[in-house]
């Protein structure tokens, strides 16, 4: 059986393809489209933020961030069964 994820953490800047493209691909797949995507990135600014949300992300966390902040956000979304996609 194929395992479907509860949540995706995705960096914007990656070596082969950017996170926006990966997020769009996730949202185009009927099996994956409802999975919330959270961007973790050092690429700030309004343009990047807008592209993140336009590509389908539900949250955008700027680096640097603490592990506690990330865990709190992820746990809150998972415990609530949040499906914001």
PDB file of N, CA and C in Angstrom:
ATOM      1  N   UNK A   1       0.847  -1.192   0.000  1.00  0.00           N
ATOM      2  CA  UNK A   1       0.000   0.000   0.000  1.00  0.00           C
ATOM      3  C   UNK A   1       0.884   1.244   0.000  1.00  0.00           C
ATOM      4  N   UNK A   2       0.408   2.278  -0.642  1.00  0.00           N
ATOM      5  CA  UNK A   2       1.134   3.536  -0.705  1.00  0.00           C
ATOM      6  C   UNK A   2       0.862   4.340   0.555  1.00  0.00           C
ATOM      7  N   UNK A   3       1.903   4.845   1.159  1.00  0.00           N
ATOM      8  CA  UNK A   3       1.750   5.671   2.357  1.00  0.00           C
ATOM      9  C   UNK A   3       1.551   7.113   1.930  1.00  0.00           C
ATOM     10  N   UNK A   4       0.492   7.707   2.438  1.00  0.00           N
ATOM     11  CA  UNK A   4       0.215   9.115   2.181  1.00  0.00           C
ATOM     12  C   UNK A   4       0.627   9.903   3.428  1.00  0.00           C
ATOM     13  N   UNK A   5       1.236  11.032   3.226  1.00  0.00           N
ATOM     14  CA  UNK A   5       1.755  11.849   4.315  1.00  0.00           C
ATOM     15  C   UNK A   5       0.657  12.689   4.953  1.00  0.00           C
ATOM     16  N   UNK A   6       0.858  13.030   6.230  1.00  0.00           N
ATOM     17  CA  UNK A   6      -0.063  13.908   6.949  1.00  0.00           C
ATOM     18  C   UNK A   6       0.273  15.373   6.724  1.00  0.00           C
ATOM     19  N   UNK A   7       1.545  15.648   6.408  1.00  0.00           N
ATOM     20  CA  UNK A   7       2.026  17.016   6.295  1.00  0.00           C
ATOM     21  C   UNK A   7       3.348  16.987   5.542  1.00  0.00           C
ATOM     22  N   UNK A   8       3.625  18.044   4.785  1.00  0.00           N
ATOM     23  CA  UNK A   8       4.896  18.130   4.060  1.00  0.00           C
ATOM     24  C   UNK A   8       5.625  19.392   4.504  1.00  0.00           C
ATOM     25  N   UNK A   9       6.888  19.227   4.914  1.00  0.00           N
ATOM     26  CA  UNK A   9       7.781  20.352   5.199  1.00  0.00           C
ATOM     27  C   UNK A   9       8.693  20.482   3.996  1.00  0.00           C
ATOM     28  N   UNK A  10       8.752  21.660   3.421  1.00  0.00           N
ATOM     29  CA  UNK A  10       9.441  21.830   2.150  1.00  0.00           C
ATOM     30  C   UNK A  10      10.262  23.108   2.150  1.00  0.00           C
ATOM     31  N   UNK A  11      11.529  23.007   1.770  1.00  0.00           N
ATOM     32  CA  UNK A  11      12.376  24.191   1.634  1.00  0.00           C
ATOM     33  C   UNK A  11      12.146  24.795   0.252  1.00  0.00           C
ATOM     34  N   UNK A  12      12.227  26.099   0.157  1.00  0.00           N
ATOM     35  CA  UNK A  12      12.054  26.766  -1.133  1.00  0.00           C
ATOM     36  C   UNK A  12      13.268  26.538  -2.023  1.00  0.00           C
ATOM     37  N   UNK A  13      14.464  26.673  -1.457  1.00  0.00           N
ATOM     38  CA  UNK A  13      15.687  26.570  -2.257  1.00  0.00           C
ATOM     39  C   UNK A  13      16.294  25.177  -2.124  1.00  0.00           C
ATOM     40  N   UNK A  14      16.241  24.435  -3.228  1.00  0.00           N
ATOM     41  CA  UNK A  14      16.802  23.083  -3.276  1.00  0.00           C
ATOM     42  C   UNK A  14      17.665  22.971  -4.524  1.00  0.00           C
ATOM     43  N   UNK A  15      18.574  22.001  -4.577  1.00  0.00           N
ATOM     44  CA  UNK A  15      19.546  21.928  -5.670  1.00  0.00           C
ATOM     45  C   UNK A  15      18.963  21.714  -7.069  1.00  0.00           C
ATOM     46  N   UNK A  16      18.038  20.811  -7.224  1.00  0.00           N
ATOM     47  CA  UNK A  16      17.552  20.459  -8.565  1.00  0.00           C
ATOM     48  C   UNK A  16      16.344  21.271  -9.006  1.00  0.00           C
ATOM     49  N   UNK A  17      15.407  21.449  -8.106  1.00  0.00           N
ATOM     50  CA  UNK A  17      14.149  22.125  -8.432  1.00  0.00           C
ATOM     51  C   UNK A  17      13.708  22.910  -7.198  1.00  0.00           C
ATOM     52  N   UNK A  18      13.081  24.063  -7.406  1.00  0.00           N
ATOM     53  CA  UNK A  18      12.684  24.854  -6.241  1.00  0.00           C
ATOM     54  C   UNK A  18      11.430  24.280  -5.579  1.00  0.00           C
ATOM     55  N   UNK A  19      11.245  24.654  -4.335  1.00  0.00           N
ATOM     56  CA  UNK A  19      10.123  24.150  -3.554  1.00  0.00           C
ATOM     57  C   UNK A  19       8.769  24.542  -4.106  1.00  0.00           C
ATOM     58  N   UNK A  20       8.678  25.705  -4.758  1.00  0.00           N
ATOM     59  CA  UNK A  20       7.407  26.126  -5.340  1.00  0.00           C
ATOM     60  C   UNK A  20       6.942  25.115  -6.389  1.00  0.00           C
ATOM     61  N   UNK A  21       7.877  24.664  -7.212  1.00  0.00           N
ATOM     62  CA  UNK A  21       7.561  23.683  -8.250  1.00  0.00           C
ATOM     63  C   UNK A  21       7.127  22.364  -7.628  1.00  0.00           C
ATOM     64  N   UNK A  22       7.843  21.925  -6.602  1.00  0.00           N
ATOM     65  CA  UNK A  22       7.481  20.676  -5.917  1.00  0.00           C
ATOM     66  C   UNK A  22       6.085  20.796  -5.308  1.00  0.00           C
ATOM     67  N   UNK A  23       5.798  21.924  -4.691  1.00  0.00           N
ATOM     68  CA  UNK A  23       4.492  22.137  -4.079  1.00  0.00           C
ATOM     69  C   UNK A  23       3.383  22.085  -5.133  1.00  0.00           C
ATOM     70  N   UNK A  24       3.606  22.722  -6.267  1.00  0.00           N
ATOM     71  CA  UNK A  24       2.603  22.681  -7.342  1.00  0.00           C
ATOM     72  C   UNK A  24       2.353  21.252  -7.805  1.00  0.00           C
ATOM     73  N   UNK A  25       3.426  20.469  -7.923  1.00  0.00           N
ATOM     74  CA  UNK A  25       3.295  19.062  -8.338  1.00  0.00           C
ATOM     75  C   UNK A  25       2.489  18.273  -7.308  1.00  0.00           C
ATOM     76  N   UNK A  26       2.738  18.523  -6.036  1.00  0.00           N
ATOM     77  CA  UNK A  26       1.974  17.860  -4.977  1.00  0.00           C
ATOM     78  C   UNK A  26       0.495  18.203  -5.122  1.00  0.00           C
ATOM     79  N   UNK A  27       0.196  19.467  -5.331  1.00  0.00           N
ATOM     80  CA  UNK A  27      -1.194  19.917  -5.406  1.00  0.00           C
ATOM     81  C   UNK A  27      -1.897  19.452  -6.680  1.00  0.00           C
ATOM     82  N   UNK A  28      -1.138  19.101  -7.713  1.00  0.00           N
ATOM     83  CA  UNK A  28      -1.726  18.582  -8.956  1.00  0.00           C
ATOM     84  C   UNK A  28      -2.100  17.107  -8.847  1.00  0.00           C
ATOM     85  N   UNK A  29      -1.536  16.409  -7.872  1.00  0.00           N
ATOM     86  CA  UNK A  29      -1.778  14.974  -7.713  1.00  0.00           C
ATOM     87  C   UNK A  29      -3.032  14.768  -6.859  1.00  0.00           C
ATOM     88  N   UNK A  30      -4.064  14.129  -7.401  1.00  0.00           N
ATOM     89  CA  UNK A  30      -5.307  13.941  -6.651  1.00  0.00           C
ATOM     90  C   UNK A  30      -5.118  13.216  -5.313  1.00  0.00           C
ATOM     91  N   UNK A  31      -4.132  12.340  -5.218  1.00  0.00           N
ATOM     92  CA  UNK A  31      -3.884  11.603  -3.974  1.00  0.00           C
ATOM     93  C   UNK A  31      -3.200  12.467  -2.924  1.00  0.00           C
ATOM     94  N   UNK A  32      -2.541  13.530  -3.350  1.00  0.00           N
ATOM     95  CA  UNK A  32      -1.731  14.345  -2.443  1.00  0.00           C
ATOM     96  C   UNK A  32      -2.262  15.756  -2.237  1.00  0.00           C
ATOM     97  N   UNK A  33      -3.193  16.193  -3.056  1.00  0.00           N
ATOM     98  CA  UNK A  33      -3.583  17.604  -3.100  1.00  0.00           C
ATOM     99  C   UNK A  33      -4.105  18.175  -1.788  1.00  0.00           C
ATOM    100  N   UNK A  34      -4.637  17.315  -0.909  1.00  0.00           N
ATOM    101  CA  UNK A  34      -5.183  17.810   0.353  1.00  0.00           C
ATOM    102  C   UNK A  34      -4.183  17.798   1.507  1.00  0.00           C
ATOM    103  N   UNK A  35      -2.955  17.404   1.228  1.00  0.00           N
ATOM    104  CA  UNK A  35      -1.932  17.374   2.275  1.00  0.00           C
ATOM    105  C   UNK A  35      -1.370  18.786   2.469  1.00  0.00           C
ATOM    106  N   UNK A  36      -1.404  19.301   3.700  1.00  0.00           N
ATOM    107  CA  UNK A  36      -0.866  20.640   3.940  1.00  0.00           C
ATOM    108  C   UNK A  36       0.645  20.696   3.698  1.00  0.00           C
ATOM    109  N   UNK A  37       1.083  21.773   3.064  1.00  0.00           N
ATOM    110  CA  UNK A  37       2.505  22.000   2.801  1.00  0.00           C
ATOM    111  C   UNK A  37       2.939  23.241   3.572  1.00  0.00           C
ATOM    112  N   UNK A  38       4.031  23.093   4.317  1.00  0.00           N
ATOM    113  CA  UNK A  38       4.626  24.215   5.046  1.00  0.00           C
ATOM    114  C   UNK A  38       6.000  24.484   4.446  1.00  0.00           C
ATOM    115  N   UNK A  39       6.230  25.719   4.026  1.00  0.00           N
ATOM    116  CA  UNK A  39       7.547  26.102   3.521  1.00  0.00           C
ATOM    117  C   UNK A  39       8.438  26.550   4.669  1.00  0.00           C
ATOM    118  N   UNK A  40       9.676  26.065   4.659  1.00  0.00           N
ATOM    119  CA  UNK A  40      10.723  26.489   5.585  1.00  0.00           C
ATOM    120  C   UNK A  40      11.794  27.136   4.720  1.00  0.00           C
ATOM    121  N   UNK A  41      12.059  28.415   4.925  1.00  0.00           N
ATOM    122  CA  UNK A  41      12.974  29.064   3.995  1.00  0.00           C
ATOM    123  C   UNK A  41      13.658  30.299   4.557  1.00  0.00           C
ATOM    124  N   UNK A  42      14.800  30.591   3.992  1.00  0.00           N
ATOM    125  CA  UNK A  42      15.508  31.835   4.285  1.00  0.00           C
ATOM    126  C   UNK A  42      15.154  32.892   3.244  1.00  0.00           C
ATOM    127  N   UNK A  43      14.425  32.482   2.227  1.00  0.00           N
ATOM    128  CA  UNK A  43      14.052  33.382   1.140  1.00  0.00           C
ATOM    129  C   UNK A  43      12.807  34.164   1.550  1.00  0.00           C
ATOM    130  N   UNK A  44      13.042  35.317   2.142  1.00  0.00           N
ATOM    131  CA  UNK A  44      11.932  36.124   2.623  1.00  0.00           C
ATOM    132  C   UNK A  44      11.451  37.106   1.573  1.00  0.00           C
ATOM    133  N   UNK A  45      10.569  37.958   1.976  1.00  0.00           N
ATOM    134  CA  UNK A  45      10.074  38.985   1.077  1.00  0.00           C
ATOM    135  C   UNK A  45       8.693  38.665   0.549  1.00  0.00           C
ATOM    136  N   UNK A  46       7.986  39.708   0.186  1.00  0.00           N
ATOM    137  CA  UNK A  46       6.612  39.576  -0.267  1.00  0.00           C
ATOM    138  C   UNK A  46       6.421  38.730  -1.499  1.00  0.00           C
ATOM    139  N   UNK A  47       7.356  38.843  -2.453  1.00  0.00           N
ATOM    140  CA  UNK A  47       7.230  38.092  -3.702  1.00  0.00           C
ATOM    141  C   UNK A  47       7.339  36.587  -3.454  1.00  0.00           C
ATOM    142  N   UNK A  48       8.320  36.185  -2.662  1.00  0.00           N
ATOM    143  CA  UNK A  48       8.500  34.764  -2.343  1.00  0.00           C
ATOM    144  C   UNK A  48       7.324  34.253  -1.519  1.00  0.00           C
ATOM    145  N   UNK A  49       6.866  35.063  -0.589  1.00  0.00           N
ATOM    146  CA  UNK A  49       5.728  34.687   0.239  1.00  0.00           C
ATOM    147  C   UNK A  49       4.491  34.470  -0.628  1.00  0.00           C
ATOM    148  N   UNK A  50       4.234  35.398  -1.526  1.00  0.00           N
ATOM    149  CA  UNK A  50       3.081  35.274  -2.421  1.00  0.00           C
ATOM    150  C   UNK A  50       3.190  34.028  -3.285  1.00  0.00           C
ATOM    151  N   UNK A  51       4.373  33.765  -3.830  1.00  0.00           N
ATOM    152  CA  UNK A  51       4.542  32.579  -4.667  1.00  0.00           C
ATOM    153  C   UNK A  51       4.334  31.303  -3.861  1.00  0.00           C
ATOM    154  N   UNK A  52       4.763  31.309  -2.608  1.00  0.00           N
ATOM    155  CA  UNK A  52       4.558  30.150  -1.743  1.00  0.00           C
ATOM    156  C   UNK A  52       3.089  29.835  -1.557  1.00  0.00           C
ATOM    157  N   UNK A  53       2.306  30.847  -1.250  1.00  0.00           N
ATOM    158  CA  UNK A  53       0.872  30.623  -1.059  1.00  0.00           C
ATOM    159  C   UNK A  53       0.172  30.309  -2.380  1.00  0.00           C
ATOM    160  N   UNK A  54       0.589  30.955  -3.451  1.00  0.00           N
ATOM    161  CA  UNK A  54       0.001  30.667  -4.763  1.00  0.00           C
ATOM    162  C   UNK A  54       0.280  29.239  -5.207  1.00  0.00           C
ATOM    163  N   UNK A  55       1.406  28.688  -4.791  1.00  0.00           N
ATOM    164  CA  UNK A  55       1.746  27.318  -5.178  1.00  0.00           C
ATOM    165  C   UNK A  55       0.989  26.288  -4.345  1.00  0.00           C
ATOM    166  N   UNK A  56       0.352  26.735  -3.251  1.00  0.00           N
ATOM    167  CA  UNK A  56      -0.479  25.829  -2.474  1.00  0.00           C
ATOM    168  C   UNK A  56      -0.091  25.626  -1.023  1.00  0.00           C
ATOM    169  N   UNK A  57       0.925  26.326  -0.544  1.00  0.00           N
ATOM    170  CA  UNK A  57       1.349  26.166   0.849  1.00  0.00           C
ATOM    171  C   UNK A  57       0.317  26.758   1.804  1.00  0.00           C
ATOM    172  N   UNK A  58       0.259  26.202   3.018  1.00  0.00           N
ATOM    173  CA  UNK A  58      -0.646  26.723   4.036  1.00  0.00           C
ATOM    174  C   UNK A  58       0.084  27.592   5.052  1.00  0.00           C
ATOM    175  N   UNK A  59       1.419  27.495   5.060  1.00  0.00           N
ATOM    176  CA  UNK A  59       2.207  28.265   6.017  1.00  0.00           C
ATOM    177  C   UNK A  59       3.608  28.478   5.460  1.00  0.00           C
ATOM    178  N   UNK A  60       4.233  29.548   5.897  1.00  0.00           N
ATOM    179  CA  UNK A  60       5.551  29.941   5.426  1.00  0.00           C
ATOM    180  C   UNK A  60       6.361  30.333   6.652  1.00  0.00           C
ATOM    181  N   UNK A  61       7.367  29.542   7.022  1.00  0.00           N
ATOM    182  CA  UNK A  61       8.174  29.823   8.207  1.00  0.00           C
ATOM    183  C   UNK A  61       9.565  30.274   7.768  1.00  0.00           C
ATOM    184  N   UNK A  62       9.919  31.493   8.148  1.00  0.00           N
ATOM    185  CA  UNK A  62      11.226  32.034   7.777  1.00  0.00           C
ATOM    186  C   UNK A  62      12.322  31.504   8.685  1.00  0.00           C
ATOM    187  N   UNK A  63      13.469  31.200   8.071  1.00  0.00           N
ATOM    188  CA  UNK A  63      14.661  30.826   8.828  1.00  0.00           C
ATOM    189  C   UNK A  63      15.341  32.106   9.296  1.00  0.00           C
ATOM    190  N   UNK A  64      16.002  32.100  10.403  1.00  0.00           N
ATOM    191  CA  UNK A  64      16.134  30.967  11.318  1.00  0.00           C
ATOM    192  C   UNK A  64      14.887  30.835  12.177  1.00  0.00           C
ATOM    193  N   UNK A  65      14.603  29.628  12.602  1.00  0.00           N
ATOM    194  CA  UNK A  65      13.521  29.356  13.534  1.00  0.00           C
ATOM    195  C   UNK A  65      14.031  28.319  14.523  1.00  0.00           C
ATOM    196  N   UNK A  66      13.385  28.243  15.656  1.00  0.00           N
ATOM    197  CA  UNK A  66      13.809  27.263  16.657  1.00  0.00           C
ATOM    198  C   UNK A  66      13.120  25.928  16.392  1.00  0.00           C
ATOM    199  N   UNK A  67      13.755  24.871  16.846  1.00  0.00           N
ATOM    200  CA  UNK A  67      13.152  23.544  16.725  1.00  0.00           C
ATOM    201  C   UNK A  67      11.832  23.513  17.485  1.00  0.00           C
ATOM    202  N   UNK A  68      11.782  24.200  18.618  1.00  0.00           N
ATOM    203  CA  UNK A  68      10.559  24.239  19.411  1.00  0.00           C
ATOM    204  C   UNK A  68       9.411  24.883  18.637  1.00  0.00           C
ATOM    205  N   UNK A  69       9.702  25.966  17.934  1.00  0.00           N
ATOM    206  CA  UNK A  69       8.666  26.633  17.142  1.00  0.00           C
ATOM    207  C   UNK A  69       8.144  25.691  16.062  1.00  0.00           C
ATOM    208  N   UNK A  70       9.051  25.036  15.356  1.00  0.00           N
ATOM    209  CA  UNK A  70       8.649  24.122  14.292  1.00  0.00           C
ATOM    210  C   UNK A  70       7.822  22.964  14.850  1.00  0.00           C
ATOM    211  N   UNK A  71       8.291  22.358  15.927  1.00  0.00           N
ATOM    212  CA  UNK A  71       7.558  21.239  16.532  1.00  0.00           C
ATOM    213  C   UNK A  71       6.182  21.665  17.022  1.00  0.00           C
ATOM    214  N   UNK A  72       6.089  22.845  17.581  1.00  0.00           N
ATOM    215  CA  UNK A  72       4.799  23.350  18.053  1.00  0.00           C
ATOM    216  C   UNK A  72       3.820  23.504  16.895  1.00  0.00           C
ATOM    217  N   UNK A  73       4.276  24.089  15.807  1.00  0.00           N
ATOM    218  CA  UNK A  73       3.416  24.282  14.639  1.00  0.00           C
ATOM    219  C   UNK A  73       2.988  22.942  14.053  1.00  0.00           C
ATOM    220  N   UNK A  74       3.944  22.046  13.842  1.00  0.00           N
ATOM    221  CA  UNK A  74       3.635  20.739  13.252  1.00  0.00           C
ATOM    222  C   UNK A  74       2.687  19.956  14.158  1.00  0.00           C
ATOM    223  N   UNK A  75       2.994  19.887  15.446  1.00  0.00           N
ATOM    224  CA  UNK A  75       2.135  19.138  16.367  1.00  0.00           C
ATOM    225  C   UNK A  75       0.730  19.715  16.442  1.00  0.00           C
ATOM    226  N   UNK A  76       0.628  21.035  16.450  1.00  0.00           N
ATOM    227  CA  UNK A  76      -0.685  21.675  16.492  1.00  0.00           C
ATOM    228  C   UNK A  76      -1.499  21.310  15.259  1.00  0.00           C
ATOM    229  N   UNK A  77      -0.879  21.364  14.104  1.00  0.00           N
ATOM    230  CA  UNK A  77      -1.595  21.031  12.867  1.00  0.00           C
ATOM    231  C   UNK A  77      -2.005  19.558  12.844  1.00  0.00           C
ATOM    232  N   UNK A  78      -1.105  18.680  13.258  1.00  0.00           N
ATOM    233  CA  UNK A  78      -1.404  17.247  13.234  1.00  0.00           C
ATOM    234  C   UNK A  78      -2.461  16.869  14.268  1.00  0.00           C
ATOM    235  N   UNK A  79      -2.354  17.412  15.477  1.00  0.00           N
ATOM    236  CA  UNK A  79      -3.321  17.103  16.528  1.00  0.00           C
ATOM    237  C   UNK A  79      -4.712  17.604  16.179  1.00  0.00           C
ATOM    238  N   UNK A  80      -4.769  18.741  15.522  1.00  0.00           N
ATOM    239  CA  UNK A  80      -6.055  19.316  15.147  1.00  0.00           C
ATOM    240  C   UNK A  80      -6.621  18.658  13.893  1.00  0.00           C
ATOM    241  N   UNK A  81      -5.798  17.846  13.246  1.00  0.00           N
ATOM    242  CA  UNK A  81      -6.246  17.250  11.989  1.00  0.00           C
ATOM    243  C   UNK A  81      -6.437  18.311  10.931  1.00  0.00           C
ATOM    244  N   UNK A  82      -5.656  19.351  11.034  1.00  0.00           N
ATOM    245  CA  UNK A  82      -5.798  20.493  10.138  1.00  0.00           C
ATOM    246  C   UNK A  82      -5.563  20.090   8.698  1.00  0.00           C
ATOM    247  N   UNK A  83      -6.517  20.437   7.866  1.00  0.00           N
ATOM    248  CA  UNK A  83      -6.395  20.217   6.430  1.00  0.00           C
ATOM    249  C   UNK A  83      -6.764  21.527   5.761  1.00  0.00           C
ATOM    250  N   UNK A  84      -5.777  22.373   5.594  1.00  0.00           N
ATOM    251  CA  UNK A  84      -6.011  23.707   5.048  1.00  0.00           C
ATOM    252  C   UNK A  84      -5.792  23.794   3.552  1.00  0.00           C
ATOM    253  N   UNK A  85      -5.497  22.670   2.936  1.00  0.00           N
ATOM    254  CA  UNK A  85      -5.185  22.676   1.506  1.00  0.00           C
ATOM    255  C   UNK A  85      -6.397  23.021   0.689  1.00  0.00           C
TER     256      UNK A  85
END
